[in-house]
């Protein structure tokens, strides 16, 4: 089990083996998530919005530029409803 000491400024150095396991590099961010029993989970906040590309598939027909413009115009005019 890896351990780390807390400095007087509240800082810790994440042990090398933990950084390697989490794929952390300098500048990466981490989250501390409080669990149900009061324990904390350290989770790497790596990646970008591009990582979700392709997660959801659109199965409908593609919208034309004209259809998109029509919906945008309705939204700006206040005519857009949830039924549209």
PDB file of N, CA and C in Angstrom:
ATOM      1  N   UNK A   1       0.849  -1.173   0.000  1.00  0.00           N
ATOM      2  CA  UNK A   1       0.000   0.000   0.000  1.00  0.00           C
ATOM      3  C   UNK A   1       0.893   1.234   0.000  1.00  0.00           C
ATOM      4  N   UNK A   2       0.593   2.183  -0.888  1.00  0.00           N
ATOM      5  CA  UNK A   2       1.358   3.424  -0.979  1.00  0.00           C
ATOM      6  C   UNK A   2       0.832   4.418   0.050  1.00  0.00           C
ATOM      7  N   UNK A   3       1.742   5.178   0.646  1.00  0.00           N
ATOM      8  CA  UNK A   3       1.355   6.207   1.612  1.00  0.00           C
ATOM      9  C   UNK A   3       2.079   7.498   1.270  1.00  0.00           C
ATOM     10  N   UNK A   4       1.571   8.606   1.814  1.00  0.00           N
ATOM     11  CA  UNK A   4       2.195   9.911   1.616  1.00  0.00           C
ATOM     12  C   UNK A   4       1.981  10.736   2.867  1.00  0.00           C
ATOM     13  N   UNK A   5       2.901  11.651   3.132  1.00  0.00           N
ATOM     14  CA  UNK A   5       2.801  12.550   4.286  1.00  0.00           C
ATOM     15  C   UNK A   5       2.201  13.879   3.833  1.00  0.00           C
ATOM     16  N   UNK A   6       1.458  14.517   4.727  1.00  0.00           N
ATOM     17  CA  UNK A   6       0.879  15.827   4.459  1.00  0.00           C
ATOM     18  C   UNK A   6       1.829  16.892   5.005  1.00  0.00           C
ATOM     19  N   UNK A   7       2.158  17.900   4.178  1.00  0.00           N
ATOM     20  CA  UNK A   7       3.042  18.966   4.627  1.00  0.00           C
ATOM     21  C   UNK A   7       2.266  19.978   5.459  1.00  0.00           C
ATOM     22  N   UNK A   8       2.978  20.920   6.039  1.00  0.00           N
ATOM     23  CA  UNK A   8       2.326  21.962   6.841  1.00  0.00           C
ATOM     24  C   UNK A   8       1.397  22.826   5.987  1.00  0.00           C
ATOM     25  N   UNK A   9       1.590  22.834   4.680  1.00  0.00           N
ATOM     26  CA  UNK A   9       0.723  23.591   3.766  1.00  0.00           C
ATOM     27  C   UNK A   9      -0.445  22.745   3.258  1.00  0.00           C
ATOM     28  N   UNK A  10      -0.584  21.500   3.744  1.00  0.00           N
ATOM     29  CA  UNK A  10      -1.669  20.622   3.324  1.00  0.00           C
ATOM     30  C   UNK A  10      -1.413  19.934   2.001  1.00  0.00           C
ATOM     31  N   UNK A  11      -0.168  19.887   1.566  1.00  0.00           N
ATOM     32  CA  UNK A  11       0.169  19.265   0.295  1.00  0.00           C
ATOM     33  C   UNK A  11       0.674  17.843   0.502  1.00  0.00           C
ATOM     34  N   UNK A  12       0.457  17.015  -0.519  1.00  0.00           N
ATOM     35  CA  UNK A  12       1.014  15.663  -0.506  1.00  0.00           C
ATOM     36  C   UNK A  12       1.684  15.403  -1.848  1.00  0.00           C
ATOM     37  N   UNK A  13       2.630  14.504  -1.856  1.00  0.00           N
ATOM     38  CA  UNK A  13       3.216  14.018  -3.100  1.00  0.00           C
ATOM     39  C   UNK A  13       2.610  12.650  -3.361  1.00  0.00           C
ATOM     40  N   UNK A  14       1.977  12.504  -4.504  1.00  0.00           N
ATOM     41  CA  UNK A  14       1.371  11.222  -4.848  1.00  0.00           C
ATOM     42  C   UNK A  14       2.510  10.269  -5.214  1.00  0.00           C
ATOM     43  N   UNK A  15       2.572   9.132  -4.547  1.00  0.00           N
ATOM     44  CA  UNK A  15       3.659   8.185  -4.826  1.00  0.00           C
ATOM     45  C   UNK A  15       3.723   7.794  -6.300  1.00  0.00           C
ATOM     46  N   UNK A  16       4.951   7.551  -6.771  1.00  0.00           N
ATOM     47  CA  UNK A  16       5.185   7.242  -8.191  1.00  0.00           C
ATOM     48  C   UNK A  16       4.326   6.088  -8.675  1.00  0.00           C
ATOM     49  N   UNK A  17       4.208   5.020  -7.880  1.00  0.00           N
ATOM     50  CA  UNK A  17       3.430   3.858  -8.347  1.00  0.00           C
ATOM     51  C   UNK A  17       1.961   4.216  -8.538  1.00  0.00           C
ATOM     52  N   UNK A  18       1.429   5.111  -7.694  1.00  0.00           N
ATOM     53  CA  UNK A  18       0.028   5.538  -7.828  1.00  0.00           C
ATOM     54  C   UNK A  18      -0.119   6.418  -9.065  1.00  0.00           C
ATOM     55  N   UNK A  19       0.831   7.345  -9.266  1.00  0.00           N
ATOM     56  CA  UNK A  19       0.788   8.196 -10.467  1.00  0.00           C
ATOM     57  C   UNK A  19       0.827   7.348 -11.732  1.00  0.00           C
ATOM     58  N   UNK A  20       1.659   6.332 -11.736  1.00  0.00           N
ATOM     59  CA  UNK A  20       1.756   5.448 -12.903  1.00  0.00           C
ATOM     60  C   UNK A  20       0.459   4.680 -13.119  1.00  0.00           C
ATOM     61  N   UNK A  21      -0.105   4.137 -12.031  1.00  0.00           N
ATOM     62  CA  UNK A  21      -1.360   3.379 -12.145  1.00  0.00           C
ATOM     63  C   UNK A  21      -2.497   4.244 -12.678  1.00  0.00           C
ATOM     64  N   UNK A  22      -2.528   5.520 -12.256  1.00  0.00           N
ATOM     65  CA  UNK A  22      -3.590   6.435 -12.678  1.00  0.00           C
ATOM     66  C   UNK A  22      -3.275   7.138 -13.990  1.00  0.00           C
ATOM     67  N   UNK A  23      -2.060   6.973 -14.476  1.00  0.00           N
ATOM     68  CA  UNK A  23      -1.669   7.639 -15.720  1.00  0.00           C
ATOM     69  C   UNK A  23      -1.513   9.137 -15.553  1.00  0.00           C
ATOM     70  N   UNK A  24      -1.148   9.591 -14.359  1.00  0.00           N
ATOM     71  CA  UNK A  24      -1.031  11.024 -14.081  1.00  0.00           C
ATOM     72  C   UNK A  24       0.299  11.578 -14.560  1.00  0.00           C
ATOM     73  N   UNK A  25       0.231  12.785 -15.117  1.00  0.00           N
ATOM     74  CA  UNK A  25       1.417  13.507 -15.528  1.00  0.00           C
ATOM     75  C   UNK A  25       1.386  14.876 -14.856  1.00  0.00           C
ATOM     76  N   UNK A  26       2.490  15.577 -14.876  1.00  0.00           N
ATOM     77  CA  UNK A  26       2.552  16.922 -14.306  1.00  0.00           C
ATOM     78  C   UNK A  26       1.476  17.792 -14.937  1.00  0.00           C
ATOM     79  N   UNK A  27       0.732  18.499 -14.118  1.00  0.00           N
ATOM     80  CA  UNK A  27      -0.335  19.374 -14.610  1.00  0.00           C
ATOM     81  C   UNK A  27      -1.704  18.727 -14.632  1.00  0.00           C
ATOM     82  N   UNK A  28      -1.776  17.387 -14.543  1.00  0.00           N
ATOM     83  CA  UNK A  28      -3.075  16.719 -14.500  1.00  0.00           C
ATOM     84  C   UNK A  28      -3.779  17.060 -13.196  1.00  0.00           C
ATOM     85  N   UNK A  29      -5.097  16.961 -13.212  1.00  0.00           N
ATOM     86  CA  UNK A  29      -5.884  17.250 -12.025  1.00  0.00           C
ATOM     87  C   UNK A  29      -6.455  15.951 -11.459  1.00  0.00           C
ATOM     88  N   UNK A  30      -6.747  15.955 -10.167  1.00  0.00           N
ATOM     89  CA  UNK A  30      -7.356  14.808  -9.514  1.00  0.00           C
ATOM     90  C   UNK A  30      -8.586  15.273  -8.750  1.00  0.00           C
ATOM     91  N   UNK A  31      -9.526  14.378  -8.559  1.00  0.00           N
ATOM     92  CA  UNK A  31     -10.722  14.642  -7.762  1.00  0.00           C
ATOM     93  C   UNK A  31     -10.654  13.800  -6.498  1.00  0.00           C
ATOM     94  N   UNK A  32     -11.188  14.341  -5.421  1.00  0.00           N
ATOM     95  CA  UNK A  32     -11.334  13.601  -4.179  1.00  0.00           C
ATOM     96  C   UNK A  32     -12.828  13.413  -3.969  1.00  0.00           C
ATOM     97  N   UNK A  33     -13.283  12.176  -4.060  1.00  0.00           N
ATOM     98  CA  UNK A  33     -14.707  11.860  -3.990  1.00  0.00           C
ATOM     99  C   UNK A  33     -14.991  11.191  -2.659  1.00  0.00           C
ATOM    100  N   UNK A  34     -15.939  11.775  -1.897  1.00  0.00           N
ATOM    101  CA  UNK A  34     -16.278  11.218  -0.588  1.00  0.00           C
ATOM    102  C   UNK A  34     -17.213  10.031  -0.767  1.00  0.00           C
ATOM    103  N   UNK A  35     -16.830   8.878  -0.210  1.00  0.00           N
ATOM    104  CA  UNK A  35     -17.629   7.669  -0.306  1.00  0.00           C
ATOM    105  C   UNK A  35     -18.699   7.615   0.776  1.00  0.00           C
ATOM    106  N   UNK A  36     -19.522   6.593   0.723  1.00  0.00           N
ATOM    107  CA  UNK A  36     -20.642   6.437   1.648  1.00  0.00           C
ATOM    108  C   UNK A  36     -20.201   6.268   3.097  1.00  0.00           C
ATOM    109  N   UNK A  37     -19.038   5.656   3.303  1.00  0.00           N
ATOM    110  CA  UNK A  37     -18.571   5.394   4.666  1.00  0.00           C
ATOM    111  C   UNK A  37     -17.578   6.435   5.168  1.00  0.00           C
ATOM    112  N   UNK A  38     -17.497   7.590   4.490  1.00  0.00           N
ATOM    113  CA  UNK A  38     -16.605   8.647   4.914  1.00  0.00           C
ATOM    114  C   UNK A  38     -15.203   8.563   4.332  1.00  0.00           C
ATOM    115  N   UNK A  39     -14.918   7.496   3.578  1.00  0.00           N
ATOM    116  CA  UNK A  39     -13.604   7.381   2.956  1.00  0.00           C
ATOM    117  C   UNK A  39     -13.568   8.263   1.711  1.00  0.00           C
ATOM    118  N   UNK A  40     -12.378   8.590   1.258  1.00  0.00           N
ATOM    119  CA  UNK A  40     -12.224   9.391   0.047  1.00  0.00           C
ATOM    120  C   UNK A  40     -11.562   8.562  -1.045  1.00  0.00           C
ATOM    121  N   UNK A  41     -12.009   8.789  -2.253  1.00  0.00           N
ATOM    122  CA  UNK A  41     -11.471   8.107  -3.415  1.00  0.00           C
ATOM    123  C   UNK A  41     -10.739   9.149  -4.251  1.00  0.00           C
ATOM    124  N   UNK A  42      -9.510   8.852  -4.640  1.00  0.00           N
ATOM    125  CA  UNK A  42      -8.716   9.718  -5.494  1.00  0.00           C
ATOM    126  C   UNK A  42      -8.935   9.275  -6.931  1.00  0.00           C
ATOM    127  N   UNK A  43      -9.395  10.187  -7.772  1.00  0.00           N
ATOM    128  CA  UNK A  43      -9.690   9.827  -9.156  1.00  0.00           C
ATOM    129  C   UNK A  43      -9.006  10.811 -10.095  1.00  0.00           C
ATOM    130  N   UNK A  44      -8.340  10.287 -11.115  1.00  0.00           N
ATOM    131  CA  UNK A  44      -7.677  11.128 -12.104  1.00  0.00           C
ATOM    132  C   UNK A  44      -8.711  11.863 -12.939  1.00  0.00           C
ATOM    133  N   UNK A  45      -8.507  13.156 -13.146  1.00  0.00           N
ATOM    134  CA  UNK A  45      -9.372  13.957 -14.015  1.00  0.00           C
ATOM    135  C   UNK A  45      -8.603  14.225 -15.296  1.00  0.00           C
ATOM    136  N   UNK A  46      -8.368  13.175 -16.067  1.00  0.00           N
ATOM    137  CA  UNK A  46      -7.609  13.308 -17.302  1.00  0.00           C
ATOM    138  C   UNK A  46      -8.557  13.213 -18.486  1.00  0.00           C
ATOM    139  N   UNK A  47      -8.081  13.582 -19.639  1.00  0.00           N
ATOM    140  CA  UNK A  47      -8.880  13.494 -20.848  1.00  0.00           C
ATOM    141  C   UNK A  47      -9.516  14.825 -21.193  1.00  0.00           C
ATOM    142  N   UNK A  48     -10.293  14.791 -22.251  1.00  0.00           N
ATOM    143  CA  UNK A  48     -10.950  15.997 -22.727  1.00  0.00           C
ATOM    144  C   UNK A  48     -12.345  15.645 -23.225  1.00  0.00           C
ATOM    145  N   UNK A  49     -13.055  16.659 -23.636  1.00  0.00           N
ATOM    146  CA  UNK A  49     -14.399  16.449 -24.156  1.00  0.00           C
ATOM    147  C   UNK A  49     -14.372  15.565 -25.412  1.00  0.00           C
ATOM    148  N   UNK A  50     -13.249  15.564 -26.120  1.00  0.00           N
ATOM    149  CA  UNK A  50     -13.125  14.731 -27.311  1.00  0.00           C
ATOM    150  C   UNK A  50     -13.214  13.243 -26.981  1.00  0.00           C
ATOM    151  N   UNK A  51     -12.953  12.888 -25.713  1.00  0.00           N
ATOM    152  CA  UNK A  51     -13.006  11.481 -25.317  1.00  0.00           C
ATOM    153  C   UNK A  51     -14.415  10.895 -25.397  1.00  0.00           C
ATOM    154  N   UNK A  52     -15.452  11.735 -25.374  1.00  0.00           N
ATOM    155  CA  UNK A  52     -16.821  11.225 -25.434  1.00  0.00           C
ATOM    156  C   UNK A  52     -17.334  11.098 -26.863  1.00  0.00           C
ATOM    157  N   UNK A  53     -16.504  11.524 -27.825  1.00  0.00           N
ATOM    158  CA  UNK A  53     -16.911  11.433 -29.232  1.00  0.00           C
ATOM    159  C   UNK A  53     -17.251   9.988 -29.590  1.00  0.00           C
ATOM    160  N   UNK A  54     -18.418   9.794 -30.164  1.00  0.00           N
ATOM    161  CA  UNK A  54     -18.835   8.475 -30.600  1.00  0.00           C
ATOM    162  C   UNK A  54     -19.526   7.640 -29.533  1.00  0.00           C
ATOM    163  N   UNK A  55     -19.694   8.178 -28.322  1.00  0.00           N
ATOM    164  CA  UNK A  55     -20.356   7.405 -27.260  1.00  0.00           C
ATOM    165  C   UNK A  55     -21.831   7.183 -27.556  1.00  0.00           C
ATOM    166  N   UNK A  56     -22.468   8.179 -28.150  1.00  0.00           N
ATOM    167  CA  UNK A  56     -23.892   8.092 -28.450  1.00  0.00           C
ATOM    168  C   UNK A  56     -24.076   8.121 -29.954  1.00  0.00           C
ATOM    169  N   UNK A  57     -24.842   7.181 -30.434  1.00  0.00           N
ATOM    170  CA  UNK A  57     -25.103   7.101 -31.866  1.00  0.00           C
ATOM    171  C   UNK A  57     -26.452   7.738 -32.180  1.00  0.00           C
ATOM    172  N   UNK A  58     -26.480   8.577 -33.205  1.00  0.00           N
ATOM    173  CA  UNK A  58     -27.723   9.155 -33.696  1.00  0.00           C
ATOM    174  C   UNK A  58     -28.244   8.221 -34.766  1.00  0.00           C
ATOM    175  N   UNK A  59     -29.460   7.731 -34.590  1.00  0.00           N
ATOM    176  CA  UNK A  59     -30.013   6.781 -35.549  1.00  0.00           C
ATOM    177  C   UNK A  59     -31.047   7.413 -36.465  1.00  0.00           C
ATOM    178  N   UNK A  60     -31.357   8.678 -36.223  1.00  0.00           N
ATOM    179  CA  UNK A  60     -32.332   9.361 -37.071  1.00  0.00           C
ATOM    180  C   UNK A  60     -31.690   9.871 -38.351  1.00  0.00           C
ATOM    181  N   UNK A  61     -32.529  10.453 -39.198  1.00  0.00           N
ATOM    182  CA  UNK A  61     -31.978  11.003 -40.447  1.00  0.00           C
ATOM    183  C   UNK A  61     -31.253  12.307 -40.133  1.00  0.00           C
ATOM    184  N   UNK A  62     -30.209  12.613 -40.871  1.00  0.00           N
ATOM    185  CA  UNK A  62     -29.488  13.867 -40.643  1.00  0.00           C
ATOM    186  C   UNK A  62     -30.374  15.067 -40.969  1.00  0.00           C
ATOM    187  N   UNK A  63     -30.227  16.128 -40.202  1.00  0.00           N
ATOM    188  CA  UNK A  63     -30.977  17.356 -40.465  1.00  0.00           C
ATOM    189  C   UNK A  63     -30.271  18.139 -41.562  1.00  0.00           C
ATOM    190  N   UNK A  64     -31.067  18.778 -42.394  1.00  0.00           N
ATOM    191  CA  UNK A  64     -30.485  19.633 -43.431  1.00  0.00           C
ATOM    192  C   UNK A  64     -30.155  20.987 -42.815  1.00  0.00           C
ATOM    193  N   UNK A  65     -29.351  21.761 -43.498  1.00  0.00           N
ATOM    194  CA  UNK A  65     -29.010  23.108 -43.031  1.00  0.00           C
ATOM    195  C   UNK A  65     -30.287  23.947 -42.931  1.00  0.00           C
ATOM    196  N   UNK A  66     -31.179  23.774 -43.879  1.00  0.00           N
ATOM    197  CA  UNK A  66     -32.443  24.530 -43.862  1.00  0.00           C
ATOM    198  C   UNK A  66     -33.270  24.187 -42.623  1.00  0.00           C
ATOM    199  N   UNK A  67     -33.331  22.889 -42.280  1.00  0.00           N
ATOM    200  CA  UNK A  67     -34.084  22.481 -41.077  1.00  0.00           C
ATOM    201  C   UNK A  67     -33.451  23.057 -39.815  1.00  0.00           C
ATOM    202  N   UNK A  68     -32.112  23.031 -39.746  1.00  0.00           N
ATOM    203  CA  UNK A  68     -31.443  23.603 -38.581  1.00  0.00           C
ATOM    204  C   UNK A  68     -31.705  25.100 -38.475  1.00  0.00           C
ATOM    205  N   UNK A  69     -31.640  25.801 -39.601  1.00  0.00           N
ATOM    206  CA  UNK A  69     -31.907  27.246 -39.603  1.00  0.00           C
ATOM    207  C   UNK A  69     -33.332  27.551 -39.161  1.00  0.00           C
ATOM    208  N   UNK A  70     -34.284  26.715 -39.585  1.00  0.00           N
ATOM    209  CA  UNK A  70     -35.685  26.904 -39.195  1.00  0.00           C
ATOM    210  C   UNK A  70     -35.859  26.766 -37.681  1.00  0.00           C
ATOM    211  N   UNK A  71     -35.242  25.750 -37.091  1.00  0.00           N
ATOM    212  CA  UNK A  71     -35.329  25.547 -35.639  1.00  0.00           C
ATOM    213  C   UNK A  71     -34.648  26.700 -34.900  1.00  0.00           C
ATOM    214  N   UNK A  72     -33.508  27.147 -35.399  1.00  0.00           N
ATOM    215  CA  UNK A  72     -32.810  28.281 -34.770  1.00  0.00           C
ATOM    216  C   UNK A  72     -33.684  29.529 -34.821  1.00  0.00           C
ATOM    217  N   UNK A  73     -34.291  29.783 -35.968  1.00  0.00           N
ATOM    218  CA  UNK A  73     -35.159  30.960 -36.115  1.00  0.00           C
ATOM    219  C   UNK A  73     -36.342  30.889 -35.156  1.00  0.00           C
ATOM    220  N   UNK A  74     -36.959  29.708 -35.020  1.00  0.00           N
ATOM    221  CA  UNK A  74     -38.071  29.546 -34.075  1.00  0.00           C
ATOM    222  C   UNK A  74     -37.617  29.814 -32.645  1.00  0.00           C
ATOM    223  N   UNK A  75     -36.420  29.314 -32.308  1.00  0.00           N
ATOM    224  CA  UNK A  75     -35.908  29.533 -30.952  1.00  0.00           C
ATOM    225  C   UNK A  75     -35.701  30.999 -30.656  1.00  0.00           C
ATOM    226  N   UNK A  76     -35.146  31.733 -31.603  1.00  0.00           N
ATOM    227  CA  UNK A  76     -34.905  33.170 -31.405  1.00  0.00           C
ATOM    228  C   UNK A  76     -36.213  33.935 -31.320  1.00  0.00           C
ATOM    229  N   UNK A  77     -37.226  33.501 -32.047  1.00  0.00           N
ATOM    230  CA  UNK A  77     -38.498  34.238 -32.067  1.00  0.00           C
ATOM    231  C   UNK A  77     -39.395  33.844 -30.885  1.00  0.00           C
ATOM    232  N   UNK A  78     -39.020  32.802 -30.141  1.00  0.00           N
ATOM    233  CA  UNK A  78     -39.840  32.355 -29.011  1.00  0.00           C
ATOM    234  C   UNK A  78     -40.933  31.392 -29.415  1.00  0.00           C
ATOM    235  N   UNK A  79     -40.960  30.969 -30.663  1.00  0.00           N
ATOM    236  CA  UNK A  79     -41.998  30.070 -31.160  1.00  0.00           C
ATOM    237  C   UNK A  79     -41.677  28.597 -30.938  1.00  0.00           C
ATOM    238  N   UNK A  80     -40.457  28.285 -30.511  1.00  0.00           N
ATOM    239  CA  UNK A  80     -40.052  26.896 -30.367  1.00  0.00           C
ATOM    240  C   UNK A  80     -40.702  26.292 -29.132  1.00  0.00           C
ATOM    241  N   UNK A  81     -41.321  25.136 -29.288  1.00  0.00           N
ATOM    242  CA  UNK A  81     -41.936  24.425 -28.182  1.00  0.00           C
ATOM    243  C   UNK A  81     -41.309  23.032 -28.112  1.00  0.00           C
ATOM    244  N   UNK A  82     -41.560  22.329 -27.028  1.00  0.00           N
ATOM    245  CA  UNK A  82     -41.018  20.980 -26.874  1.00  0.00           C
ATOM    246  C   UNK A  82     -41.613  20.009 -27.881  1.00  0.00           C
ATOM    247  N   UNK A  83     -42.759  20.326 -28.443  1.00  0.00           N
ATOM    248  CA  UNK A  83     -43.378  19.461 -29.437  1.00  0.00           C
ATOM    249  C   UNK A  83     -42.656  19.560 -30.767  1.00  0.00           C
ATOM    250  N   UNK A  84     -41.958  20.684 -31.021  1.00  0.00           N
ATOM    251  CA  UNK A  84     -41.239  20.876 -32.282  1.00  0.00           C
ATOM    252  C   UNK A  84     -40.054  19.973 -32.275  1.00  0.00           C
TER     253      UNK A  84
END
